[in-house]
């Protein structure tokens, strides 16, 4: 089952939706997006919080 993460779900005004097959792949995609588009390097606290907002794709 595919997973997704939306920047909006953590209070960021961004329409990005990252999708991946595993949590590790999704975290990598979110971290790359956060750095490239928002200038944010994810630390473990931010990663842990982001993982709580992961949901099945299309959900």
PDB file of N, CA and C in Angstrom:
ATOM      1  N   UNK A   1       0.841  -1.180   0.000  1.00  0.00           N
ATOM      2  CA  UNK A   1       0.000   0.000   0.000  1.00  0.00           C
ATOM      3  C   UNK A   1       0.884   1.240   0.000  1.00  0.00           C
ATOM      4  N   UNK A   2       0.591   2.152  -0.884  1.00  0.00           N
ATOM      5  CA  UNK A   2       1.351   3.400  -0.973  1.00  0.00           C
ATOM      6  C   UNK A   2       0.995   4.314   0.201  1.00  0.00           C
ATOM      7  N   UNK A   3       1.957   5.125   0.586  1.00  0.00           N
ATOM      8  CA  UNK A   3       1.790   6.088   1.677  1.00  0.00           C
ATOM      9  C   UNK A   3       1.958   7.489   1.127  1.00  0.00           C
ATOM     10  N   UNK A   4       1.404   8.460   1.838  1.00  0.00           N
ATOM     11  CA  UNK A   4       1.600   9.850   1.425  1.00  0.00           C
ATOM     12  C   UNK A   4       1.734  10.761   2.626  1.00  0.00           C
ATOM     13  N   UNK A   5       2.369  11.905   2.353  1.00  0.00           N
ATOM     14  CA  UNK A   5       2.564  12.966   3.348  1.00  0.00           C
ATOM     15  C   UNK A   5       2.277  14.282   2.653  1.00  0.00           C
ATOM     16  N   UNK A   6       1.482  15.109   3.304  1.00  0.00           N
ATOM     17  CA  UNK A   6       1.147  16.433   2.771  1.00  0.00           C
ATOM     18  C   UNK A   6       1.730  17.514   3.687  1.00  0.00           C
ATOM     19  N   UNK A   7       2.441  18.455   3.104  1.00  0.00           N
ATOM     20  CA  UNK A   7       2.997  19.564   3.892  1.00  0.00           C
ATOM     21  C   UNK A   7       1.891  20.275   4.680  1.00  0.00           C
ATOM     22  N   UNK A   8       0.728  20.421   4.069  1.00  0.00           N
ATOM     23  CA  UNK A   8      -0.392  21.111   4.722  1.00  0.00           C
ATOM     24  C   UNK A   8      -0.768  20.468   6.051  1.00  0.00           C
ATOM     25  N   UNK A   9      -0.560  19.156   6.183  1.00  0.00           N
ATOM     26  CA  UNK A   9      -0.936  18.452   7.406  1.00  0.00           C
ATOM     27  C   UNK A   9      -0.071  18.827   8.600  1.00  0.00           C
ATOM     28  N   UNK A  10       1.050  19.493   8.353  1.00  0.00           N
ATOM     29  CA  UNK A  10       1.900  19.953   9.453  1.00  0.00           C
ATOM     30  C   UNK A  10       1.926  21.483   9.519  1.00  0.00           C
ATOM     31  N   UNK A  11       0.922  22.097   8.897  1.00  0.00           N
ATOM     32  CA  UNK A  11       0.751  23.537   9.022  1.00  0.00           C
ATOM     33  C   UNK A  11       1.561  24.388   8.063  1.00  0.00           C
ATOM     34  N   UNK A  12       2.089  23.792   7.008  1.00  0.00           N
ATOM     35  CA  UNK A  12       2.873  24.544   6.029  1.00  0.00           C
ATOM     36  C   UNK A  12       1.996  24.840   4.820  1.00  0.00           C
ATOM     37  N   UNK A  13       1.993  26.084   4.394  1.00  0.00           N
ATOM     38  CA  UNK A  13       1.201  26.487   3.227  1.00  0.00           C
ATOM     39  C   UNK A  13       1.909  26.022   1.958  1.00  0.00           C
ATOM     40  N   UNK A  14       1.745  24.753   1.645  1.00  0.00           N
ATOM     41  CA  UNK A  14       2.406  24.127   0.505  1.00  0.00           C
ATOM     42  C   UNK A  14       1.504  23.008   0.018  1.00  0.00           C
ATOM     43  N   UNK A  15       1.379  22.872  -1.282  1.00  0.00           N
ATOM     44  CA  UNK A  15       0.498  21.852  -1.851  1.00  0.00           C
ATOM     45  C   UNK A  15       1.218  20.537  -2.162  1.00  0.00           C
ATOM     46  N   UNK A  16       2.479  20.419  -1.757  1.00  0.00           N
ATOM     47  CA  UNK A  16       3.225  19.205  -2.061  1.00  0.00           C
ATOM     48  C   UNK A  16       2.605  17.985  -1.384  1.00  0.00           C
ATOM     49  N   UNK A  17       2.530  16.906  -2.152  1.00  0.00           N
ATOM     50  CA  UNK A  17       2.108  15.599  -1.634  1.00  0.00           C
ATOM     51  C   UNK A  17       3.195  14.611  -2.029  1.00  0.00           C
ATOM     52  N   UNK A  18       3.908  14.110  -1.037  1.00  0.00           N
ATOM     53  CA  UNK A  18       4.950  13.113  -1.291  1.00  0.00           C
ATOM     54  C   UNK A  18       4.323  11.738  -1.159  1.00  0.00           C
ATOM     55  N   UNK A  19       4.684  10.835  -2.063  1.00  0.00           N
ATOM     56  CA  UNK A  19       4.160   9.467  -2.030  1.00  0.00           C
ATOM     57  C   UNK A  19       5.303   8.482  -2.167  1.00  0.00           C
ATOM     58  N   UNK A  20       5.167   7.348  -1.475  1.00  0.00           N
ATOM     59  CA  UNK A  20       6.173   6.286  -1.555  1.00  0.00           C
ATOM     60  C   UNK A  20       5.552   4.983  -1.067  1.00  0.00           C
ATOM     61  N   UNK A  21       6.266   3.912  -1.289  1.00  0.00           N
ATOM     62  CA  UNK A  21       5.771   2.590  -0.887  1.00  0.00           C
ATOM     63  C   UNK A  21       6.103   2.248   0.563  1.00  0.00           C
ATOM     64  N   UNK A  22       7.181   2.838   1.095  1.00  0.00           N
ATOM     65  CA  UNK A  22       7.568   2.552   2.481  1.00  0.00           C
ATOM     66  C   UNK A  22       7.754   3.853   3.249  1.00  0.00           C
ATOM     67  N   UNK A  23       7.708   3.739   4.569  1.00  0.00           N
ATOM     68  CA  UNK A  23       7.914   4.918   5.410  1.00  0.00           C
ATOM     69  C   UNK A  23       9.304   5.497   5.203  1.00  0.00           C
ATOM     70  N   UNK A  24      10.317   4.631   5.101  1.00  0.00           N
ATOM     71  CA  UNK A  24      11.690   5.119   4.897  1.00  0.00           C
ATOM     72  C   UNK A  24      11.825   5.889   3.595  1.00  0.00           C
ATOM     73  N   UNK A  25      11.218   5.373   2.527  1.00  0.00           N
ATOM     74  CA  UNK A  25      11.259   6.069   1.243  1.00  0.00           C
ATOM     75  C   UNK A  25      10.514   7.397   1.328  1.00  0.00           C
ATOM     76  N   UNK A  26       9.404   7.402   2.043  1.00  0.00           N
ATOM     77  CA  UNK A  26       8.616   8.626   2.179  1.00  0.00           C
ATOM     78  C   UNK A  26       9.380   9.674   2.979  1.00  0.00           C
ATOM     79  N   UNK A  27      10.002   9.269   4.063  1.00  0.00           N
ATOM     80  CA  UNK A  27      10.796  10.206   4.866  1.00  0.00           C
ATOM     81  C   UNK A  27      11.918  10.809   4.017  1.00  0.00           C
ATOM     82  N   UNK A  28      12.559  10.001   3.201  1.00  0.00           N
ATOM     83  CA  UNK A  28      13.624  10.515   2.332  1.00  0.00           C
ATOM     84  C   UNK A  28      13.073  11.544   1.355  1.00  0.00           C
ATOM     85  N   UNK A  29      11.911  11.270   0.786  1.00  0.00           N
ATOM     86  CA  UNK A  29      11.296  12.209  -0.167  1.00  0.00           C
ATOM     87  C   UNK A  29      10.882  13.503   0.537  1.00  0.00           C
ATOM     88  N   UNK A  30      10.310  13.378   1.716  1.00  0.00           N
ATOM     89  CA  UNK A  30       9.886  14.556   2.473  1.00  0.00           C
ATOM     90  C   UNK A  30      11.104  15.385   2.878  1.00  0.00           C
ATOM     91  N   UNK A  31      12.161  14.724   3.323  1.00  0.00           N
ATOM     92  CA  UNK A  31      13.376  15.442   3.723  1.00  0.00           C
ATOM     93  C   UNK A  31      13.977  16.202   2.540  1.00  0.00           C
ATOM     94  N   UNK A  32      14.006  15.566   1.376  1.00  0.00           N
ATOM     95  CA  UNK A  32      14.541  16.233   0.185  1.00  0.00           C
ATOM     96  C   UNK A  32      13.687  17.435  -0.193  1.00  0.00           C
ATOM     97  N   UNK A  33      12.369  17.288  -0.136  1.00  0.00           N
ATOM     98  CA  UNK A  33      11.465  18.398  -0.444  1.00  0.00           C
ATOM     99  C   UNK A  33      11.624  19.525   0.577  1.00  0.00           C
ATOM    100  N   UNK A  34      11.664  19.171   1.849  1.00  0.00           N
ATOM    101  CA  UNK A  34      11.782  20.183   2.910  1.00  0.00           C
ATOM    102  C   UNK A  34      13.042  21.025   2.727  1.00  0.00           C
ATOM    103  N   UNK A  35      14.130  20.371   2.370  1.00  0.00           N
ATOM    104  CA  UNK A  35      15.395  21.096   2.179  1.00  0.00           C
ATOM    105  C   UNK A  35      15.355  21.953   0.918  1.00  0.00           C
ATOM    106  N   UNK A  36      14.886  21.377  -0.186  1.00  0.00           N
ATOM    107  CA  UNK A  36      14.902  22.082  -1.476  1.00  0.00           C
ATOM    108  C   UNK A  36      13.898  23.227  -1.540  1.00  0.00           C
ATOM    109  N   UNK A  37      12.720  23.023  -1.023  1.00  0.00           N
ATOM    110  CA  UNK A  37      11.647  24.013  -1.183  1.00  0.00           C
ATOM    111  C   UNK A  37      11.423  24.907   0.027  1.00  0.00           C
ATOM    112  N   UNK A  38      11.777  24.400   1.222  1.00  0.00           N
ATOM    113  CA  UNK A  38      11.503  25.171   2.432  1.00  0.00           C
ATOM    114  C   UNK A  38      12.766  25.560   3.195  1.00  0.00           C
ATOM    115  N   UNK A  39      13.922  25.079   2.734  1.00  0.00           N
ATOM    116  CA  UNK A  39      15.182  25.413   3.397  1.00  0.00           C
ATOM    117  C   UNK A  39      15.307  24.822   4.788  1.00  0.00           C
ATOM    118  N   UNK A  40      14.631  23.685   5.022  1.00  0.00           N
ATOM    119  CA  UNK A  40      14.606  23.076   6.350  1.00  0.00           C
ATOM    120  C   UNK A  40      15.292  21.710   6.299  1.00  0.00           C
ATOM    121  N   UNK A  41      16.242  21.518   7.192  1.00  0.00           N
ATOM    122  CA  UNK A  41      16.877  20.211   7.365  1.00  0.00           C
ATOM    123  C   UNK A  41      16.097  19.488   8.465  1.00  0.00           C
ATOM    124  N   UNK A  42      15.571  18.321   8.149  1.00  0.00           N
ATOM    125  CA  UNK A  42      14.792  17.595   9.139  1.00  0.00           C
ATOM    126  C   UNK A  42      15.703  16.933  10.168  1.00  0.00           C
ATOM    127  N   UNK A  43      15.430  17.210  11.447  1.00  0.00           N
ATOM    128  CA  UNK A  43      16.119  16.502  12.519  1.00  0.00           C
ATOM    129  C   UNK A  43      15.199  15.370  12.985  1.00  0.00           C
ATOM    130  N   UNK A  44      15.632  14.579  13.936  1.00  0.00           N
ATOM    131  CA  UNK A  44      14.840  13.419  14.348  1.00  0.00           C
ATOM    132  C   UNK A  44      13.484  13.815  14.919  1.00  0.00           C
ATOM    133  N   UNK A  45      13.404  14.928  15.621  1.00  0.00           N
ATOM    134  CA  UNK A  45      12.129  15.383  16.175  1.00  0.00           C
ATOM    135  C   UNK A  45      11.141  15.708  15.057  1.00  0.00           C
ATOM    136  N   UNK A  46      11.609  16.410  14.022  1.00  0.00           N
ATOM    137  CA  UNK A  46      10.732  16.736  12.895  1.00  0.00           C
ATOM    138  C   UNK A  46      10.325  15.482  12.121  1.00  0.00           C
ATOM    139  N   UNK A  47      11.255  14.553  11.976  1.00  0.00           N
ATOM    140  CA  UNK A  47      10.930  13.301  11.291  1.00  0.00           C
ATOM    141  C   UNK A  47       9.882  12.531  12.075  1.00  0.00           C
ATOM    142  N   UNK A  48      10.068  12.429  13.380  1.00  0.00           N
ATOM    143  CA  UNK A  48       9.098  11.705  14.217  1.00  0.00           C
ATOM    144  C   UNK A  48       7.711  12.333  14.102  1.00  0.00           C
ATOM    145  N   UNK A  49       7.651  13.658  14.098  1.00  0.00           N
ATOM    146  CA  UNK A  49       6.365  14.340  13.957  1.00  0.00           C
ATOM    147  C   UNK A  49       5.764  14.099  12.572  1.00  0.00           C
ATOM    148  N   UNK A  50       6.575  14.205  11.541  1.00  0.00           N
ATOM    149  CA  UNK A  50       6.076  14.001  10.184  1.00  0.00           C
ATOM    150  C   UNK A  50       5.503  12.599  10.009  1.00  0.00           C
ATOM    151  N   UNK A  51       6.146  11.612  10.603  1.00  0.00           N
ATOM    152  CA  UNK A  51       5.681  10.233  10.477  1.00  0.00           C
ATOM    153  C   UNK A  51       4.283  10.075  11.081  1.00  0.00           C
ATOM    154  N   UNK A  52       3.948  10.877  12.076  1.00  0.00           N
ATOM    155  CA  UNK A  52       2.598  10.779  12.657  1.00  0.00           C
ATOM    156  C   UNK A  52       1.532  11.279  11.688  1.00  0.00           C
ATOM    157  N   UNK A  53       1.945  12.000  10.654  1.00  0.00           N
ATOM    158  CA  UNK A  53       0.997  12.550   9.670  1.00  0.00           C
ATOM    159  C   UNK A  53       0.934  11.737   8.380  1.00  0.00           C
ATOM    160  N   UNK A  54       1.688  10.649   8.321  1.00  0.00           N
ATOM    161  CA  UNK A  54       1.663   9.776   7.144  1.00  0.00           C
ATOM    162  C   UNK A  54       0.343   9.040   7.108  1.00  0.00           C
ATOM    163  N   UNK A  55      -0.192   8.886   5.895  1.00  0.00           N
ATOM    164  CA  UNK A  55      -1.460   8.178   5.728  1.00  0.00           C
ATOM    165  C   UNK A  55      -1.420   7.359   4.438  1.00  0.00           C
ATOM    166  N   UNK A  56      -2.379   6.445   4.310  1.00  0.00           N
ATOM    167  CA  UNK A  56      -2.433   5.706   3.042  1.00  0.00           C
ATOM    168  C   UNK A  56      -2.670   6.679   1.892  1.00  0.00           C
ATOM    169  N   UNK A  57      -2.054   6.441   0.769  1.00  0.00           N
ATOM    170  CA  UNK A  57      -2.211   7.318  -0.392  1.00  0.00           C
ATOM    171  C   UNK A  57      -3.674   7.386  -0.798  1.00  0.00           C
ATOM    172  N   UNK A  58      -4.111   8.598  -1.081  1.00  0.00           N
ATOM    173  CA  UNK A  58      -5.498   8.823  -1.483  1.00  0.00           C
ATOM    174  C   UNK A  58      -6.440   8.959  -0.309  1.00  0.00           C
ATOM    175  N   UNK A  59      -5.907   8.877   0.914  1.00  0.00           N
ATOM    176  CA  UNK A  59      -6.756   8.903   2.105  1.00  0.00           C
ATOM    177  C   UNK A  59      -6.971  10.249   2.679  1.00  0.00           C
TER     178      UNK A  59
END
